[in-house]
């Protein structure tokens, strides 16, 4: 999926996809974000070259690269907005080699989502609050030693 195709998508739900180590169940690493739309879903994750991968999602199923399945889970990423709304702006973030390494999506509902690929996948949700204030929630849990997406 190309980043230009994201504009004007209506997003119904924002989910984190996390890996939990069998060795330490308390250690949970955010590995991807899935945006559920009116017509399906899309997944943002780090590629093996640490570029940002945007792929067609399979909601409510986990992506096929989530192996073994019992180590992976979805979690709702909660915002104060009832719904995110339509993506009104897409800003691709490129590295010095012009490779896509992140994106910032702005929604009609006043929420902005930033995702960054790399050795550590990170996500940040920023919300406009009444009175011009802003709130940010960063999600950048440490990565595990799990070999990323080897099942791809």
N, C-alpha and C. Protein backbone atom coordinates (compact mmCIF):
# COMPACT_ATOMS: atom_id res chain seq x y z
N UNK A 1 0.84 -1.17 0.00
CA UNK A 1 0.00 0.00 0.00
C UNK A 1 0.89 1.24 0.00
N UNK A 2 0.55 2.20 -0.82
CA UNK A 2 1.32 3.43 -0.91
C UNK A 2 0.77 4.46 0.07
N UNK A 3 1.65 5.29 0.59
CA UNK A 3 1.26 6.26 1.61
C UNK A 3 0.21 7.24 1.08
N UNK A 4 0.23 7.53 -0.22
CA UNK A 4 -0.75 8.46 -0.79
C UNK A 4 -2.18 7.92 -0.69
N UNK A 5 -2.34 6.62 -0.62
CA UNK A 5 -3.65 6.00 -0.55
C UNK A 5 -4.33 6.18 0.80
N UNK A 6 -3.61 6.68 1.78
CA UNK A 6 -4.16 6.82 3.13
C UNK A 6 -5.10 8.02 3.26
N UNK A 7 -4.84 9.06 2.48
CA UNK A 7 -5.64 10.28 2.58
C UNK A 7 -7.11 9.98 2.32
N UNK A 8 -7.97 10.57 3.13
CA UNK A 8 -9.42 10.47 3.04
C UNK A 8 -10.00 9.13 3.55
N UNK A 9 -9.16 8.24 4.08
CA UNK A 9 -9.66 7.02 4.68
C UNK A 9 -10.35 7.38 6.01
N UNK A 10 -11.49 6.78 6.26
CA UNK A 10 -12.22 6.98 7.52
C UNK A 10 -11.74 5.91 8.50
N UNK A 11 -11.12 6.33 9.61
CA UNK A 11 -10.56 5.39 10.58
C UNK A 11 -11.53 5.22 11.74
N UNK A 12 -11.89 3.98 12.01
CA UNK A 12 -12.86 3.64 13.05
C UNK A 12 -12.19 3.24 14.37
N UNK A 13 -10.97 2.66 14.26
CA UNK A 13 -10.32 2.10 15.45
C UNK A 13 -8.81 2.10 15.25
N UNK A 14 -8.08 2.32 16.33
CA UNK A 14 -6.62 2.33 16.33
C UNK A 14 -6.15 1.24 17.27
N UNK A 15 -5.34 0.31 16.75
CA UNK A 15 -4.88 -0.83 17.53
C UNK A 15 -3.36 -0.94 17.52
N UNK A 16 -2.79 -1.33 18.65
CA UNK A 16 -1.39 -1.68 18.69
C UNK A 16 -1.26 -3.19 18.52
N UNK A 17 -0.22 -3.63 17.84
CA UNK A 17 0.09 -5.05 17.72
C UNK A 17 1.41 -5.26 18.46
N UNK A 18 1.36 -6.08 19.51
CA UNK A 18 2.51 -6.25 20.38
C UNK A 18 2.96 -7.70 20.44
N UNK A 19 4.26 -7.86 20.65
CA UNK A 19 4.88 -9.17 20.84
C UNK A 19 5.20 -9.33 22.32
N UNK A 20 4.85 -10.47 22.89
CA UNK A 20 5.17 -10.78 24.28
C UNK A 20 6.07 -12.00 24.30
N UNK A 21 7.20 -11.86 24.92
CA UNK A 21 8.18 -12.93 24.99
C UNK A 21 7.69 -14.08 25.87
N UNK A 22 7.93 -15.30 25.42
CA UNK A 22 7.63 -16.47 26.26
C UNK A 22 8.50 -16.49 27.50
N UNK A 23 9.72 -15.93 27.38
CA UNK A 23 10.66 -15.92 28.50
C UNK A 23 10.23 -14.95 29.59
N UNK A 24 9.64 -13.84 29.21
CA UNK A 24 9.24 -12.83 30.17
C UNK A 24 7.91 -12.21 29.74
N UNK A 25 6.79 -12.78 30.20
CA UNK A 25 5.47 -12.28 29.80
C UNK A 25 5.23 -10.82 30.14
N UNK A 26 5.98 -10.27 31.08
CA UNK A 26 5.82 -8.86 31.42
C UNK A 26 6.45 -7.95 30.37
N UNK A 27 7.33 -8.51 29.56
CA UNK A 27 8.00 -7.72 28.52
C UNK A 27 7.15 -7.75 27.25
N UNK A 28 6.60 -6.61 26.91
CA UNK A 28 5.71 -6.49 25.76
C UNK A 28 6.28 -5.41 24.85
N UNK A 29 6.40 -5.68 23.57
CA UNK A 29 6.99 -4.73 22.63
C UNK A 29 6.00 -4.38 21.53
N UNK A 30 5.73 -3.09 21.38
CA UNK A 30 4.90 -2.62 20.29
C UNK A 30 5.66 -2.82 18.99
N UNK A 31 5.09 -3.60 18.08
CA UNK A 31 5.76 -3.91 16.82
C UNK A 31 5.04 -3.33 15.62
N UNK A 32 3.78 -2.92 15.79
CA UNK A 32 3.02 -2.40 14.65
C UNK A 32 1.78 -1.68 15.16
N UNK A 33 1.17 -0.91 14.26
CA UNK A 33 -0.09 -0.23 14.52
C UNK A 33 -1.04 -0.59 13.40
N UNK A 34 -2.28 -0.92 13.74
CA UNK A 34 -3.29 -1.24 12.73
C UNK A 34 -4.41 -0.21 12.81
N UNK A 35 -4.71 0.39 11.68
CA UNK A 35 -5.82 1.33 11.56
C UNK A 35 -6.97 0.59 10.91
N UNK A 36 -8.09 0.48 11.62
CA UNK A 36 -9.27 -0.20 11.08
C UNK A 36 -10.13 0.87 10.42
N UNK A 37 -10.43 0.66 9.13
CA UNK A 37 -11.20 1.62 8.35
C UNK A 37 -12.56 1.04 8.01
N UNK A 38 -13.37 1.81 7.34
CA UNK A 38 -14.69 1.34 6.94
C UNK A 38 -14.60 0.22 5.91
N UNK A 39 -13.48 0.12 5.20
CA UNK A 39 -13.37 -0.88 4.14
C UNK A 39 -12.32 -1.96 4.40
N UNK A 40 -11.76 -2.02 5.60
CA UNK A 40 -10.73 -3.02 5.91
C UNK A 40 -9.78 -2.48 6.96
N UNK A 41 -8.50 -2.73 6.78
CA UNK A 41 -7.52 -2.20 7.72
C UNK A 41 -6.16 -2.09 7.04
N UNK A 42 -5.28 -1.29 7.68
CA UNK A 42 -3.91 -1.12 7.20
C UNK A 42 -2.97 -1.19 8.39
N UNK A 43 -1.79 -1.76 8.16
CA UNK A 43 -0.81 -1.98 9.22
C UNK A 43 0.45 -1.17 8.92
N UNK A 44 0.97 -0.50 9.94
CA UNK A 44 2.25 0.20 9.87
C UNK A 44 3.23 -0.57 10.74
N UNK A 45 4.39 -0.91 10.20
CA UNK A 45 5.39 -1.64 10.96
C UNK A 45 6.77 -1.37 10.38
N UNK A 46 7.80 -1.81 11.05
CA UNK A 46 9.16 -1.68 10.53
C UNK A 46 9.44 -2.81 9.57
N UNK A 47 10.02 -2.47 8.42
CA UNK A 47 10.48 -3.49 7.50
C UNK A 47 11.81 -4.04 7.97
N UNK A 48 12.29 -5.07 7.34
CA UNK A 48 13.57 -5.66 7.75
C UNK A 48 14.73 -4.70 7.51
N UNK A 49 14.55 -3.71 6.64
CA UNK A 49 15.58 -2.69 6.42
C UNK A 49 15.32 -1.43 7.25
N UNK A 50 14.38 -1.51 8.21
CA UNK A 50 13.99 -0.45 9.13
C UNK A 50 13.25 0.69 8.44
N UNK A 51 12.81 0.48 7.22
CA UNK A 51 11.93 1.46 6.59
C UNK A 51 10.51 1.19 7.08
N UNK A 52 9.62 2.16 6.86
CA UNK A 52 8.23 1.98 7.28
C UNK A 52 7.50 1.14 6.24
N UNK A 53 6.91 0.07 6.70
CA UNK A 53 6.09 -0.78 5.84
C UNK A 53 4.63 -0.46 6.10
N UNK A 54 3.88 -0.25 5.02
CA UNK A 54 2.44 -0.06 5.11
C UNK A 54 1.84 -1.18 4.29
N UNK A 55 1.06 -2.02 4.95
CA UNK A 55 0.49 -3.18 4.25
C UNK A 55 -0.99 -3.32 4.57
N UNK A 56 -1.66 -4.04 3.71
CA UNK A 56 -3.08 -4.32 3.93
C UNK A 56 -3.22 -5.16 5.20
N UNK A 57 -4.11 -4.76 6.08
CA UNK A 57 -4.33 -5.50 7.31
C UNK A 57 -5.32 -6.63 7.10
N UNK A 58 -5.46 -7.45 8.12
CA UNK A 58 -6.37 -8.59 8.05
C UNK A 58 -7.30 -8.63 9.26
N UNK A 59 -7.57 -7.44 9.82
CA UNK A 59 -8.43 -7.34 11.00
C UNK A 59 -9.72 -8.12 10.78
N UNK A 60 -10.16 -8.95 11.70
CA UNK A 60 -9.73 -9.08 13.09
C UNK A 60 -8.62 -10.12 13.31
N UNK A 61 -8.05 -10.63 12.24
CA UNK A 61 -6.94 -11.59 12.36
C UNK A 61 -5.62 -10.84 12.49
N UNK A 62 -4.65 -11.45 13.18
CA UNK A 62 -3.31 -10.90 13.25
C UNK A 62 -2.64 -11.04 11.88
N UNK A 63 -1.69 -10.16 11.55
CA UNK A 63 -0.94 -10.35 10.31
C UNK A 63 -0.24 -11.71 10.30
N UNK A 64 -0.02 -12.26 9.12
CA UNK A 64 0.57 -13.61 9.01
C UNK A 64 1.99 -13.67 9.57
N UNK A 65 2.70 -12.54 9.62
CA UNK A 65 4.06 -12.56 10.15
C UNK A 65 4.10 -12.61 11.68
N UNK A 66 2.97 -12.55 12.34
CA UNK A 66 2.90 -12.64 13.80
C UNK A 66 3.00 -14.11 14.20
N UNK A 67 4.23 -14.58 14.36
CA UNK A 67 4.46 -15.99 14.65
C UNK A 67 5.42 -16.13 15.82
N UNK A 68 5.16 -17.01 16.73
CA UNK A 68 3.97 -17.83 16.87
C UNK A 68 2.80 -17.00 17.38
N UNK A 69 1.60 -17.26 16.88
CA UNK A 69 0.43 -16.44 17.22
C UNK A 69 0.17 -16.23 18.71
N UNK A 70 0.41 -17.22 19.59
CA UNK A 70 0.12 -16.98 21.02
C UNK A 70 0.98 -15.87 21.65
N UNK A 71 2.09 -15.50 21.00
CA UNK A 71 2.97 -14.46 21.54
C UNK A 71 2.55 -13.05 21.10
N UNK A 72 1.52 -12.94 20.28
CA UNK A 72 1.12 -11.66 19.72
C UNK A 72 -0.28 -11.29 20.18
N UNK A 73 -0.52 -9.98 20.30
CA UNK A 73 -1.86 -9.54 20.71
C UNK A 73 -2.15 -8.14 20.19
N UNK A 74 -3.45 -7.86 20.08
CA UNK A 74 -3.93 -6.52 19.78
C UNK A 74 -4.23 -5.81 21.08
N UNK A 75 -4.10 -4.48 21.08
CA UNK A 75 -4.57 -3.68 22.20
C UNK A 75 -5.12 -2.37 21.63
N UNK A 76 -6.25 -1.94 22.17
CA UNK A 76 -6.83 -0.67 21.73
C UNK A 76 -5.93 0.46 22.19
N UNK A 77 -5.71 1.41 21.30
CA UNK A 77 -5.00 2.63 21.66
C UNK A 77 -6.09 3.68 21.83
N UNK A 78 -6.25 4.12 23.04
CA UNK A 78 -7.38 4.96 23.41
C UNK A 78 -7.01 6.43 23.25
N UNK A 79 -7.92 7.18 22.65
CA UNK A 79 -7.81 8.63 22.60
C UNK A 79 -9.06 9.19 23.28
N UNK A 80 -9.04 10.46 23.57
CA UNK A 80 -10.22 11.05 24.22
C UNK A 80 -11.36 11.26 23.22
N UNK A 81 -11.08 11.12 21.95
CA UNK A 81 -12.10 11.27 20.91
C UNK A 81 -12.87 9.98 20.74
N UNK A 82 -14.16 10.08 20.50
CA UNK A 82 -14.98 8.89 20.27
C UNK A 82 -14.53 8.16 19.01
N UNK A 83 -14.14 8.92 18.00
CA UNK A 83 -13.59 8.31 16.79
C UNK A 83 -12.54 9.25 16.22
N UNK A 84 -11.62 8.68 15.48
CA UNK A 84 -10.56 9.50 14.90
C UNK A 84 -11.05 10.31 13.71
N UNK A 85 -11.89 9.70 12.88
CA UNK A 85 -12.42 10.38 11.71
C UNK A 85 -11.59 10.13 10.47
N UNK A 86 -11.76 11.00 9.52
CA UNK A 86 -11.11 10.88 8.21
C UNK A 86 -9.68 11.41 8.29
N UNK A 87 -8.77 10.73 7.62
CA UNK A 87 -7.39 11.22 7.53
C UNK A 87 -7.39 12.40 6.56
N UNK A 88 -7.06 13.57 7.06
CA UNK A 88 -7.11 14.76 6.21
C UNK A 88 -5.75 15.14 5.66
N UNK A 89 -4.68 14.71 6.34
CA UNK A 89 -3.33 15.06 5.88
C UNK A 89 -2.38 13.91 6.17
N UNK A 90 -1.51 13.63 5.21
CA UNK A 90 -0.49 12.59 5.36
C UNK A 90 0.87 13.22 5.07
N UNK A 91 1.75 13.15 6.04
CA UNK A 91 3.09 13.69 5.88
C UNK A 91 4.09 12.54 5.94
N UNK A 92 4.69 12.17 4.79
CA UNK A 92 5.70 11.11 4.83
C UNK A 92 6.99 11.65 5.46
N UNK A 93 7.66 10.82 6.24
CA UNK A 93 8.94 11.17 6.85
C UNK A 93 10.01 10.31 6.21
N UNK A 94 11.00 10.96 5.62
CA UNK A 94 12.04 10.25 4.86
C UNK A 94 13.38 10.38 5.54
N UNK A 95 14.25 9.38 5.34
CA UNK A 95 15.61 9.47 5.86
C UNK A 95 16.49 10.15 4.80
N UNK A 96 17.78 10.21 5.05
CA UNK A 96 18.69 10.92 4.12
C UNK A 96 18.83 10.21 2.78
N UNK A 97 18.35 8.97 2.68
CA UNK A 97 18.39 8.22 1.42
C UNK A 97 17.04 8.25 0.71
N UNK A 98 16.14 9.10 1.18
CA UNK A 98 14.79 9.25 0.64
C UNK A 98 13.93 8.00 0.80
N UNK A 99 14.23 7.21 1.82
CA UNK A 99 13.41 6.03 2.14
C UNK A 99 12.37 6.44 3.18
N UNK A 100 11.18 5.89 3.04
CA UNK A 100 10.10 6.18 3.98
C UNK A 100 10.40 5.51 5.32
N UNK A 101 10.56 6.31 6.37
CA UNK A 101 10.86 5.76 7.69
C UNK A 101 9.80 6.13 8.72
N UNK A 102 8.84 6.95 8.33
CA UNK A 102 7.79 7.34 9.25
C UNK A 102 6.69 8.08 8.53
N UNK A 103 5.65 8.38 9.29
CA UNK A 103 4.53 9.13 8.73
C UNK A 103 3.79 9.84 9.86
N UNK A 104 3.24 10.97 9.52
CA UNK A 104 2.36 11.70 10.45
C UNK A 104 1.02 11.85 9.77
N UNK A 105 -0.01 11.33 10.43
CA UNK A 105 -1.37 11.38 9.91
C UNK A 105 -2.18 12.34 10.78
N UNK A 106 -2.85 13.30 10.15
CA UNK A 106 -3.74 14.21 10.87
C UNK A 106 -5.17 13.85 10.53
N UNK A 107 -6.01 13.80 11.55
CA UNK A 107 -7.41 13.38 11.40
C UNK A 107 -8.34 14.58 11.58
N UNK A 108 -9.50 14.50 10.96
CA UNK A 108 -10.52 15.54 11.09
C UNK A 108 -10.89 15.78 12.54
N UNK A 109 -10.85 14.76 13.38
CA UNK A 109 -11.26 14.88 14.77
C UNK A 109 -10.27 15.57 15.69
N UNK A 110 -9.16 16.10 15.17
CA UNK A 110 -8.19 16.81 16.01
C UNK A 110 -7.09 15.95 16.58
N UNK A 111 -6.95 14.73 16.10
CA UNK A 111 -5.91 13.82 16.56
C UNK A 111 -4.85 13.70 15.47
N UNK A 112 -3.59 13.62 15.88
CA UNK A 112 -2.49 13.36 14.95
C UNK A 112 -1.75 12.11 15.42
N UNK A 113 -1.44 11.24 14.50
CA UNK A 113 -0.72 10.00 14.79
C UNK A 113 0.60 10.03 14.06
N UNK A 114 1.69 9.82 14.79
CA UNK A 114 3.01 9.71 14.18
C UNK A 114 3.55 8.32 14.43
N UNK A 115 4.05 7.68 13.38
CA UNK A 115 4.69 6.38 13.51
C UNK A 115 6.09 6.49 12.92
N UNK A 116 7.04 5.78 13.56
CA UNK A 116 8.43 5.81 13.13
C UNK A 116 8.98 4.39 13.14
N UNK A 117 9.52 3.98 12.01
CA UNK A 117 10.14 2.66 11.90
C UNK A 117 11.61 2.77 12.28
N UNK A 118 12.24 1.64 12.45
CA UNK A 118 13.66 1.61 12.77
C UNK A 118 13.95 0.46 13.70
N UNK A 119 15.09 0.54 14.34
CA UNK A 119 15.44 -0.50 15.30
C UNK A 119 14.35 -0.61 16.36
N UNK A 120 13.74 0.52 16.69
CA UNK A 120 12.63 0.55 17.63
C UNK A 120 11.45 1.20 16.93
N UNK A 121 10.32 0.48 16.83
CA UNK A 121 9.10 1.04 16.26
C UNK A 121 8.46 1.92 17.31
N UNK A 122 8.13 3.15 16.96
CA UNK A 122 7.50 4.05 17.92
C UNK A 122 6.24 4.68 17.32
N UNK A 123 5.38 5.10 18.21
CA UNK A 123 4.14 5.74 17.82
C UNK A 123 3.83 6.83 18.83
N UNK A 124 3.28 7.93 18.35
CA UNK A 124 2.87 9.01 19.23
C UNK A 124 1.51 9.50 18.78
N UNK A 125 0.62 9.71 19.74
CA UNK A 125 -0.70 10.25 19.47
C UNK A 125 -0.76 11.63 20.13
N UNK A 126 -1.09 12.65 19.35
CA UNK A 126 -1.24 14.01 19.86
C UNK A 126 -2.68 14.44 19.63
N UNK A 127 -3.26 15.09 20.62
CA UNK A 127 -4.65 15.52 20.53
C UNK A 127 -4.76 17.01 20.85
N UNK A 128 -5.59 17.71 20.07
CA UNK A 128 -5.93 19.09 20.38
C UNK A 128 -6.98 19.07 21.47
N UNK A 129 -6.75 19.84 22.52
CA UNK A 129 -7.70 19.91 23.64
C UNK A 129 -8.37 21.28 23.65
N UNK A 130 -9.51 21.40 24.31
CA UNK A 130 -10.18 22.70 24.39
C UNK A 130 -9.24 23.77 24.95
N UNK A 131 -9.37 24.98 24.43
CA UNK A 131 -8.56 26.09 24.91
C UNK A 131 -7.18 26.14 24.28
N UNK A 132 -6.95 25.35 23.23
CA UNK A 132 -5.67 25.40 22.53
C UNK A 132 -4.57 24.54 23.13
N UNK A 133 -4.87 23.82 24.20
CA UNK A 133 -3.87 22.94 24.81
C UNK A 133 -3.70 21.69 23.95
N UNK A 134 -2.64 20.96 24.18
CA UNK A 134 -2.39 19.72 23.45
C UNK A 134 -1.95 18.65 24.43
N UNK A 135 -2.26 17.41 24.11
CA UNK A 135 -1.83 16.27 24.92
C UNK A 135 -1.13 15.29 24.01
N UNK A 136 -0.05 14.68 24.52
CA UNK A 136 0.70 13.70 23.74
C UNK A 136 0.85 12.43 24.55
N UNK A 137 0.73 11.31 23.87
CA UNK A 137 1.00 10.01 24.46
C UNK A 137 1.98 9.31 23.55
N UNK A 138 3.14 8.98 24.07
CA UNK A 138 4.15 8.29 23.28
C UNK A 138 4.15 6.82 23.63
N UNK A 139 4.26 6.02 22.62
CA UNK A 139 4.31 4.57 22.78
C UNK A 139 5.59 4.10 22.12
N UNK A 140 6.60 3.84 22.90
CA UNK A 140 7.85 3.36 22.35
C UNK A 140 8.45 2.34 23.31
N UNK A 141 7.71 1.28 23.49
CA UNK A 141 8.17 0.22 24.39
C UNK A 141 9.44 -0.39 23.84
N UNK A 142 10.36 -0.81 24.70
CA UNK A 142 11.60 -1.38 24.21
C UNK A 142 11.35 -2.63 23.39
N UNK A 143 12.11 -2.79 22.35
CA UNK A 143 12.01 -3.97 21.50
C UNK A 143 12.60 -5.17 22.22
N UNK A 144 12.09 -6.31 21.89
CA UNK A 144 12.65 -7.53 22.45
C UNK A 144 13.75 -8.01 21.52
N UNK A 145 14.38 -9.08 21.89
CA UNK A 145 15.39 -9.68 21.01
C UNK A 145 14.74 -10.59 19.96
N UNK A 146 13.45 -10.56 19.90
CA UNK A 146 12.71 -11.36 18.92
C UNK A 146 13.15 -10.97 17.52
N UNK A 147 13.46 -11.95 16.70
CA UNK A 147 13.84 -11.68 15.31
C UNK A 147 12.60 -11.18 14.58
N UNK A 148 12.64 -9.92 14.19
CA UNK A 148 11.47 -9.27 13.63
C UNK A 148 10.97 -9.92 12.37
N UNK A 149 9.74 -10.25 12.35
CA UNK A 149 9.01 -10.60 11.13
C UNK A 149 9.74 -11.60 10.26
N UNK A 150 10.44 -12.57 10.84
CA UNK A 150 11.16 -13.54 10.06
C UNK A 150 10.23 -14.43 9.25
N UNK A 151 8.99 -14.51 9.67
CA UNK A 151 8.05 -15.37 8.97
C UNK A 151 7.51 -14.73 7.69
N UNK A 152 7.93 -13.51 7.39
CA UNK A 152 7.44 -12.82 6.18
C UNK A 152 7.85 -13.54 4.94
